[in-house]
Amino acid sequence: MKKLSIVAAAVALLLGVSTAAYAQDNKEEFYPNWFVGLQAGGQTTFTNYNSLKLLTPQFAVQAGRWFAPEFGTRLHVMGYQQKGGIAEGQYNVAKQTYKFNAMTADIDFLFNMSNIISPKRASQAWNWLLIAGFGANYSWDYDEFKGIVGSTQDSHPYYHEQVCGTKHSTFNGRLGTAVEHNFNRHLALSLEVDANFKNDLYNLKTNECVDWQLAAFLGLTYKFGMKKKAPQPAPEPVPQPVVEEKKPEPKPAVVEKKPEPKPVVVEKKAEPLSETLYYEIRLTEPNSENQLNKVAEWCKKNPGKSLLISGYADKGTGNPRINAKYAAQRADKVAKWLQKKGVPASQMKIESFGDTKQPFSDNDRNRCVIVVGN
C-alpha cells in the first residue's frame, strides 16, 4: 500500500509540473495537425449474461487530424480476444462462457468541448473530448462456441450458422468521451471511455436483442505536422495629402532699398528617424536587416544625435514575467547588432516595457522594437 501511494504521488507531481510548464507556452495560435496514438484497456459486453464475467483486455490504434480547435476526425481500430456467455438453458447446455476474436474499425468525429465552451481559456493543458462514430465489427475463431453448441445445430432455431451463415462482419455505432492531458504541444496522455452499439450477431449467437459494449482505454498520442503561416508585415501608413489654403496676393508695397545683408550659413537639421521591427511569438532575434542598416547609416551621418531603442511584447500571449524578458532581449539584441555595425554605445539609449505598454491596437504588432532617432 505504501509503494502504491508513492507511485500515485509521483504521477501527480509529474502531471502538475508538466501542466505548469505547458501553461506558460500554450497560448499560441492553433495550427491544424495530424496525430497517431496507441491505447490499452479493457471491455465488457452487456447482454443476457453477467457482464463482469465477460471482461477482456483490449488494444487499439488511432490516426486522425484536428482541422480546428473544436473539431477533428480519426480512424480507430480496437480488438483482441472477446468473451460471450450462454445463459442457463440456452442451446440446451449448461451456463458457461466462451472465447472468440473480434476487431472493430470506426470512423469517429471528435469534438473538443473545452474549446467549444471556453474558446479563450488561459490554459490548454487539459482537454475534454466528446466522440461519435460508426463502423464495423469483424469476428473469427468460433471453435470454442461451436464445441459447446454443436450438438444443437439441427434442433435449435438460434444456432449461429443457421441464422448468420458465413457472415463475420456487423455494424458498430459509438458514443464516447475522453480526458486528455498535454505534456507539451506534441505528446498527450488520454483516458477514454466508449459505449459501442453492437448488432445482435456480434457475439456469434442471437437472442433477438442488441448488445452494448463498454470499453475503457489509457493511451498516448503524438501530434505532428503543425505548419505555421508566415507572418504578414504590417501595412505602411499612407500619408494624407495636405491641402494649403490659397491666400489673396498682397498688393505691392514701396520698400526702401537697403544694403543687402551678408549671407548667413544655416546648419542643416538632421531628418528624424523612426523604424519599427516586428517579431513572431517567442522570437528575439532581429529579422529585418534592411531596417537595421538604415538605422546604422543614420547614426553615422548624425554622430551627435541620440538613438532611443524601446522593446515591447504583446499582452495577448504569455504572462508579464515572460513578456518582460522577451521585450528586454529584443531591445538589447538590436543594440548589439548596431554596435557591430559601428554605432557607439554612448549614442544609444535602451529601454523595455514588457507588456505594460501596447503601442498598437493590433495585438500581434505589439511584439516589436521601436527605434527613434532625434
Protein backbone atom coordinates (compact mmCIF):
# COMPACT_ATOMS: atom_id res chain seq x y z
CA MET A 1 0.00 0.00 0.00
CA LYS A 2 2.92 2.34 0.81
CA LYS A 3 4.54 1.68 -2.59
CA LEU A 4 1.22 2.38 -4.35
CA SER A 5 0.94 5.74 -2.52
CA ILE A 6 4.47 6.69 -3.58
CA VAL A 7 3.73 5.86 -7.25
CA ALA A 8 0.47 7.84 -7.15
CA ALA A 9 2.24 10.85 -5.62
CA ALA A 10 4.99 10.70 -8.28
CA VAL A 11 2.43 10.59 -11.11
CA ALA A 12 0.53 13.54 -9.61
CA LEU A 13 3.76 15.54 -9.27
CA LEU A 14 4.72 14.76 -12.91
CA LEU A 15 1.32 15.87 -14.20
CA GLY A 16 1.43 19.03 -12.08
CA VAL A 17 4.90 20.03 -13.25
CA SER A 18 4.13 19.31 -16.92
CA THR A 19 0.86 21.27 -16.67
CA ALA A 20 2.64 24.31 -15.20
CA ALA A 21 5.38 24.18 -17.85
CA TYR A 22 2.94 23.78 -20.74
CA ALA A 23 0.65 26.54 -19.45
CA GLN A 24 3.48 29.09 -19.93
CA ASP A 25 3.89 28.17 -23.60
CA ASN A 26 0.47 27.14 -24.92
CA LYS A 27 -1.29 30.40 -25.70
CA GLU A 28 -0.02 30.47 -29.29
CA GLU A 29 -2.30 30.35 -32.33
CA PHE A 30 -3.87 26.97 -33.23
CA TYR A 31 -2.47 25.17 -36.31
CA PRO A 32 -4.18 22.11 -37.92
CA ASN A 33 -2.23 18.94 -37.11
CA TRP A 34 -2.14 15.16 -37.60
CA PHE A 35 -1.95 12.67 -34.73
CA VAL A 36 -1.34 8.96 -34.08
CA GLY A 37 -1.80 7.03 -30.87
CA LEU A 38 -1.68 3.70 -29.04
CA GLN A 39 -4.20 2.62 -26.36
CA ALA A 40 -4.60 -0.27 -23.93
CA GLY A 41 -7.51 -1.11 -21.64
CA GLY A 42 -10.45 -3.46 -21.29
CA GLN A 43 -14.04 -4.09 -22.36
CA THR A 44 -17.18 -5.95 -21.39
CA THR A 45 -20.48 -6.68 -23.13
CA PHE A 46 -23.94 -6.00 -21.69
CA THR A 47 -26.17 -8.86 -22.83
CA ASN A 48 -28.17 -11.66 -21.18
CA TYR A 49 -25.14 -12.73 -19.13
CA ASN A 50 -23.10 -11.47 -16.14
CA SER A 51 -21.02 -8.61 -17.63
CA LEU A 52 -18.25 -8.95 -15.02
CA LYS A 53 -17.52 -12.46 -16.31
CA LEU A 54 -17.15 -11.14 -19.86
CA LEU A 55 -14.27 -8.72 -19.10
CA THR A 56 -11.34 -9.00 -21.54
CA PRO A 57 -8.28 -6.83 -22.32
CA GLN A 58 -8.35 -4.60 -25.40
CA PHE A 59 -5.77 -2.77 -27.50
CA ALA A 60 -6.30 0.00 -30.05
CA VAL A 61 -4.51 2.21 -32.56
CA GLN A 62 -5.75 5.53 -33.89
CA ALA A 63 -4.76 8.08 -36.55
CA GLY A 64 -6.51 11.33 -37.40
CA ARG A 65 -6.39 15.09 -37.84
CA TRP A 66 -7.54 18.17 -35.93
CA PHE A 67 -8.92 20.61 -38.51
CA ALA A 68 -9.86 23.33 -36.00
CA PRO A 69 -9.54 23.91 -32.21
CA GLU A 70 -13.04 22.46 -31.81
CA PHE A 71 -13.25 19.65 -34.40
CA GLY A 72 -11.30 16.65 -35.71
CA THR A 73 -11.72 13.12 -37.10
CA ARG A 74 -9.90 9.81 -36.67
CA LEU A 75 -9.74 6.18 -37.74
CA HIS A 76 -9.88 3.99 -34.61
CA VAL A 77 -9.21 0.23 -34.67
CA MET A 78 -9.65 -1.83 -31.48
CA GLY A 79 -9.75 -5.52 -30.73
CA TYR A 80 -8.33 -8.65 -29.10
CA GLN A 81 -9.90 -11.68 -27.52
CA GLN A 82 -13.62 -11.35 -26.69
CA LYS A 83 -15.99 -13.36 -24.49
CA GLY A 84 -19.60 -14.38 -24.86
CA GLY A 85 -21.92 -16.11 -22.42
CA ILE A 86 -24.57 -18.80 -22.75
CA ALA A 87 -27.37 -18.35 -20.20
CA GLU A 88 -28.88 -21.24 -18.25
CA GLY A 89 -30.95 -23.41 -20.60
CA GLN A 90 -29.93 -21.56 -23.76
CA TYR A 91 -29.00 -24.00 -26.55
CA ASN A 92 -29.96 -26.77 -24.08
CA VAL A 93 -26.49 -26.65 -22.48
CA ALA A 94 -25.12 -25.58 -19.08
CA LYS A 95 -24.42 -21.92 -18.24
CA GLN A 96 -20.84 -21.04 -19.37
CA THR A 97 -18.62 -18.57 -21.24
CA TYR A 98 -16.69 -18.98 -24.48
CA LYS A 99 -13.89 -17.02 -26.21
CA PHE A 100 -13.57 -15.72 -29.76
CA ASN A 101 -11.62 -13.00 -31.58
CA ALA A 102 -13.09 -9.72 -32.79
CA MET A 103 -11.95 -6.37 -34.19
CA THR A 104 -13.84 -3.07 -34.51
CA ALA A 105 -12.89 -0.30 -37.00
CA ASP A 106 -14.65 3.08 -36.67
CA ILE A 107 -14.61 6.50 -38.30
CA ASP A 108 -15.01 8.87 -35.33
CA PHE A 109 -15.81 12.58 -35.12
CA LEU A 110 -14.02 14.40 -32.29
CA PHE A 111 -15.37 17.49 -30.51
CA ASN A 112 -13.11 19.44 -28.11
CA MET A 113 -15.76 20.61 -25.65
CA SER A 114 -13.20 22.61 -23.62
CA ASN A 115 -12.54 24.87 -26.63
CA ILE A 116 -16.22 24.98 -27.60
CA ILE A 117 -17.32 26.06 -24.10
CA SER A 118 -14.34 28.36 -23.39
CA PRO A 119 -12.51 29.35 -26.61
CA LYS A 120 -10.35 31.96 -24.82
CA ARG A 121 -9.32 29.86 -21.82
CA ALA A 122 -5.88 30.63 -20.36
CA SER A 123 -4.51 27.06 -20.28
CA GLN A 124 -4.93 24.20 -22.77
CA ALA A 125 -3.01 21.60 -20.80
CA TRP A 126 -6.29 19.67 -20.22
CA ASN A 127 -8.99 18.93 -22.83
CA TRP A 128 -12.41 17.28 -22.56
CA LEU A 129 -13.50 15.49 -25.75
CA LEU A 130 -16.78 14.03 -27.00
CA ILE A 131 -16.65 11.19 -29.56
CA ALA A 132 -19.30 9.97 -32.03
CA GLY A 133 -18.71 7.49 -34.84
CA PHE A 134 -19.70 4.41 -36.80
CA GLY A 135 -18.00 1.43 -38.38
CA ALA A 136 -17.99 -2.35 -38.48
CA ASN A 137 -17.13 -5.35 -36.30
CA TYR A 138 -15.35 -8.40 -37.65
CA SER A 139 -15.19 -11.68 -35.67
CA TRP A 140 -13.44 -15.01 -36.19
CA ASP A 141 -12.17 -18.15 -34.43
CA TYR A 142 -15.54 -19.69 -33.43
CA ASP A 143 -14.18 -23.12 -32.43
CA GLU A 144 -14.93 -22.85 -28.71
CA PHE A 145 -18.51 -21.70 -29.36
CA LYS A 146 -19.10 -24.47 -31.91
CA GLY A 147 -17.73 -27.05 -29.49
CA ILE A 148 -20.32 -26.04 -26.88
CA VAL A 149 -23.46 -25.82 -29.02
CA GLY A 150 -22.53 -28.15 -31.88
CA SER A 151 -24.95 -30.88 -30.72
CA THR A 152 -27.89 -28.45 -31.05
CA GLN A 153 -27.18 -27.40 -34.62
CA ASP A 154 -30.18 -29.19 -36.11
CA SER A 155 -32.69 -28.57 -33.34
CA HIS A 156 -32.16 -25.01 -32.00
CA PRO A 157 -33.61 -22.12 -34.09
CA TYR A 158 -30.97 -19.59 -32.91
CA TYR A 159 -27.80 -21.51 -33.76
CA HIS A 160 -25.32 -19.02 -35.26
CA GLU A 161 -24.62 -20.71 -38.59
CA GLN A 162 -28.32 -21.27 -39.26
CA VAL A 163 -29.05 -17.55 -38.78
CA CYS A 164 -25.80 -15.91 -39.93
CA GLY A 165 -24.40 -18.33 -42.45
CA THR A 166 -20.82 -17.28 -43.16
CA LYS A 167 -21.33 -13.59 -42.21
CA HIS A 168 -18.47 -12.38 -39.99
CA SER A 169 -18.98 -8.58 -40.05
CA THR A 170 -21.69 -6.48 -38.39
CA PHE A 171 -22.49 -2.77 -37.86
CA ASN A 172 -20.99 -0.76 -34.97
CA GLY A 173 -22.10 2.62 -33.59
CA ARG A 174 -20.18 4.60 -30.98
CA LEU A 175 -20.61 7.36 -28.39
CA GLY A 176 -17.73 8.19 -26.06
CA THR A 177 -15.83 10.76 -24.05
CA ALA A 178 -12.18 11.32 -23.20
CA VAL A 179 -9.99 13.47 -20.94
CA GLU A 180 -6.64 14.49 -22.47
CA HIS A 181 -3.57 15.88 -20.72
CA ASN A 182 -0.97 17.61 -22.92
CA PHE A 183 2.61 17.23 -21.67
CA ASN A 184 3.66 19.58 -24.47
CA ARG A 185 2.41 20.56 -27.95
CA HIS A 186 3.32 17.10 -29.37
CA LEU A 187 2.70 14.47 -26.63
CA ALA A 188 -0.56 13.81 -24.74
CA LEU A 189 -1.92 11.21 -22.29
CA SER A 190 -5.62 10.34 -22.53
CA LEU A 191 -8.29 8.36 -20.67
CA GLU A 192 -11.15 7.32 -23.00
CA VAL A 193 -14.48 5.55 -22.31
CA ASP A 194 -16.66 4.37 -25.24
CA ALA A 195 -20.13 2.83 -25.48
CA ASN A 196 -20.38 0.70 -28.65
CA PHE A 197 -23.74 -0.33 -30.12
CA LYS A 198 -23.39 -3.91 -31.36
CA ASN A 199 -25.52 -5.93 -33.76
CA ASP A 200 -27.21 -8.95 -32.16
CA LEU A 201 -24.86 -11.28 -34.10
CA TYR A 202 -21.70 -9.69 -32.65
CA ASN A 203 -21.08 -12.45 -30.08
CA LEU A 204 -21.88 -15.32 -32.53
CA LYS A 205 -25.36 -16.03 -31.13
CA THR A 206 -28.73 -14.31 -31.25
CA ASN A 207 -31.28 -13.56 -28.56
CA GLU A 208 -33.34 -11.03 -30.55
CA CYS A 209 -31.82 -8.16 -28.54
CA VAL A 210 -28.97 -5.79 -29.49
CA ASP A 211 -25.79 -5.83 -27.39
CA TRP A 212 -23.82 -2.93 -25.90
CA GLN A 213 -20.08 -2.97 -25.32
CA LEU A 214 -18.35 -0.67 -22.80
CA ALA A 215 -14.62 -0.11 -23.44
CA ALA A 216 -12.09 1.98 -21.46
CA PHE A 217 -8.57 2.88 -22.64
CA LEU A 218 -5.46 4.65 -21.38
CA GLY A 219 -3.35 5.90 -24.27
CA LEU A 220 -0.52 8.08 -25.59
CA THR A 221 -0.99 10.40 -28.57
CA TYR A 222 1.68 12.05 -30.72
CA LYS A 223 0.73 15.22 -32.67
CA PHE A 224 2.70 16.47 -35.69
CA GLY A 225 2.54 18.45 -38.94
CA MET A 226 1.80 21.85 -37.37
CA LYS A 227 2.81 24.17 -40.23
CA LYS A 228 2.89 27.82 -39.26
CA LYS A 229 1.87 30.53 -41.68
CA ALA A 230 4.46 33.19 -42.49
CA PRO A 231 3.58 36.45 -40.69
CA GLN A 232 2.32 39.23 -42.91
CA PRO A 233 4.16 42.56 -42.50
CA ALA A 234 2.09 45.40 -41.14
CA PRO A 235 0.97 47.81 -43.87
CA GLU A 236 2.79 51.12 -44.00
CA PRO A 237 0.56 54.12 -43.21
CA VAL A 238 -0.48 56.07 -46.31
CA PRO A 239 0.29 59.78 -45.92
CA GLN A 240 -2.68 62.08 -46.44
CA PRO A 241 -2.24 64.96 -48.90
CA VAL A 242 -2.08 68.40 -47.30
CA VAL A 243 -4.33 70.98 -48.92
CA GLU A 244 -2.96 74.50 -48.50
CA GLU A 245 -5.42 77.33 -48.29
CA LYS A 246 -4.89 79.81 -51.14
CA LYS A 247 -4.45 83.33 -49.81
CA PRO A 248 -5.01 86.51 -51.82
CA GLU A 249 -1.86 88.04 -53.22
CA PRO A 250 -0.81 91.14 -51.27
CA LYS A 251 -0.60 94.50 -53.02
CA PRO A 252 2.93 95.58 -53.96
CA ALA A 253 4.40 97.97 -51.45
CA VAL A 254 7.07 100.55 -51.94
CA VAL A 255 10.06 99.29 -49.99
CA GLU A 256 13.05 101.46 -49.23
CA LYS A 257 16.17 99.89 -50.68
CA LYS A 258 18.56 98.77 -48.00
CA PRO A 259 22.03 97.36 -48.28
CA GLU A 260 21.99 93.62 -48.83
CA PRO A 261 22.84 91.63 -45.67
CA LYS A 262 25.72 89.20 -45.60
CA PRO A 263 24.71 85.59 -46.30
CA VAL A 264 24.06 83.52 -43.17
CA VAL A 265 25.14 79.88 -43.15
CA VAL A 266 22.33 77.80 -41.65
CA GLU A 267 23.18 74.38 -40.28
CA LYS A 268 21.16 71.66 -41.98
CA LYS A 269 18.97 69.81 -39.49
CA ALA A 270 19.03 66.01 -39.45
CA GLU A 271 15.89 64.25 -40.61
CA PRO A 272 14.13 62.41 -37.74
CA LEU A 273 14.33 58.60 -37.71
CA SER A 274 11.60 56.10 -36.76
CA GLU A 275 11.75 52.35 -37.53
CA THR A 276 9.58 49.52 -36.12
CA LEU A 277 10.81 45.89 -36.17
CA TYR A 278 8.14 43.16 -35.73
CA TYR A 279 8.64 39.67 -34.25
CA GLU A 280 6.93 36.28 -34.21
CA ILE A 281 5.89 34.65 -30.91
CA ARG A 282 8.87 33.96 -28.58
CA LEU A 283 11.44 35.19 -31.12
CA THR A 284 14.02 37.83 -30.08
CA GLU A 285 16.49 37.96 -32.99
CA PRO A 286 16.02 41.00 -35.30
CA ASN A 287 14.79 39.83 -38.70
CA SER A 288 14.86 42.98 -40.90
CA GLU A 289 18.44 43.71 -41.96
CA ASN A 290 17.34 46.48 -44.34
CA GLN A 291 15.75 48.45 -41.50
CA LEU A 292 18.77 47.99 -39.22
CA ASN A 293 21.17 49.09 -41.99
CA LYS A 294 19.05 52.21 -42.41
CA VAL A 295 19.37 52.96 -38.68
CA ALA A 296 23.14 52.38 -38.71
CA GLU A 297 23.57 54.72 -41.73
CA TRP A 298 21.54 57.45 -39.97
CA CYS A 299 23.77 57.19 -36.89
CA LYS A 300 26.94 57.58 -38.99
CA LYS A 301 25.53 60.71 -40.65
CA ASN A 302 24.39 62.15 -37.32
CA PRO A 303 27.04 61.30 -34.71
CA GLY A 304 25.81 63.99 -32.34
CA LYS A 305 22.23 62.73 -32.28
CA SER A 306 20.77 60.21 -29.80
CA LEU A 307 19.06 56.91 -30.59
CA LEU A 308 16.22 55.52 -28.38
CA ILE A 309 15.60 51.71 -28.63
CA SER A 310 12.34 50.53 -26.98
CA GLY A 311 11.35 46.85 -26.63
CA TYR A 312 7.76 45.57 -26.31
CA ALA A 313 5.80 42.28 -26.01
CA ASP A 314 2.16 41.56 -26.81
CA LYS A 315 -0.22 41.25 -23.89
CA GLY A 316 -2.39 38.59 -25.56
CA THR A 317 0.10 35.74 -25.04
CA GLY A 318 2.43 34.53 -22.28
CA ASN A 319 2.50 36.24 -18.88
CA PRO A 320 4.03 39.51 -17.52
CA ARG A 321 7.28 37.83 -16.37
CA ILE A 322 7.97 36.08 -19.70
CA ASN A 323 6.88 39.11 -21.73
CA ALA A 324 9.24 41.38 -19.78
CA LYS A 325 12.13 39.03 -20.61
CA TYR A 326 11.27 38.90 -24.34
CA ALA A 327 10.90 42.71 -24.61
CA ALA A 328 14.29 43.32 -22.91
CA GLN A 329 16.06 40.71 -25.08
CA ARG A 330 14.64 42.19 -28.28
CA ALA A 331 15.83 45.72 -27.47
CA ASP A 332 19.25 44.50 -26.26
CA LYS A 333 19.89 42.40 -29.41
CA VAL A 334 19.03 45.33 -31.68
CA ALA A 335 21.55 47.49 -29.79
CA LYS A 336 24.26 44.81 -30.05
CA TRP A 337 23.63 44.42 -33.79
CA LEU A 338 24.06 48.20 -34.28
CA GLN A 339 27.27 48.16 -32.22
CA LYS A 340 28.71 45.57 -34.60
CA LYS A 341 27.90 48.00 -37.44
CA GLY A 342 29.95 50.73 -35.77
CA VAL A 343 27.30 52.63 -33.78
CA PRO A 344 28.84 53.63 -30.40
CA ALA A 345 27.03 52.54 -27.27
CA SER A 346 27.15 56.15 -25.98
CA GLN A 347 24.84 57.19 -28.82
CA MET A 348 22.13 54.64 -27.86
CA LYS A 349 19.62 54.52 -25.01
CA ILE A 350 17.84 51.19 -24.36
CA GLU A 351 14.51 50.68 -22.58
CA SER A 352 11.88 47.91 -22.45
CA PHE A 353 8.26 47.87 -21.30
CA GLY A 354 7.29 44.15 -21.49
CA ASP A 355 3.51 44.09 -22.00
CA THR A 356 2.80 47.09 -19.74
CA LYS A 357 2.57 49.38 -22.78
CA GLN A 358 0.91 48.43 -26.07
CA PRO A 359 1.82 50.93 -28.84
CA PHE A 360 -0.58 49.33 -31.36
CA SER A 361 -4.26 48.30 -31.19
CA ASP A 362 -3.47 45.08 -33.14
CA ASN A 363 -2.18 42.59 -30.53
CA ASP A 364 0.35 40.81 -32.83
CA ARG A 365 2.04 44.11 -33.84
CA ASN A 366 2.99 44.75 -30.20
CA ARG A 367 5.75 42.10 -30.46
CA CYS A 368 8.16 44.78 -31.66
CA VAL A 369 11.14 47.10 -31.14
CA ILE A 370 10.69 50.81 -31.96
CA VAL A 371 13.85 52.76 -32.83
CA VAL A 372 13.63 56.58 -32.74
CA GLY A 373 16.47 58.99 -33.60
CA ASN A 374 16.40 62.74 -32.96
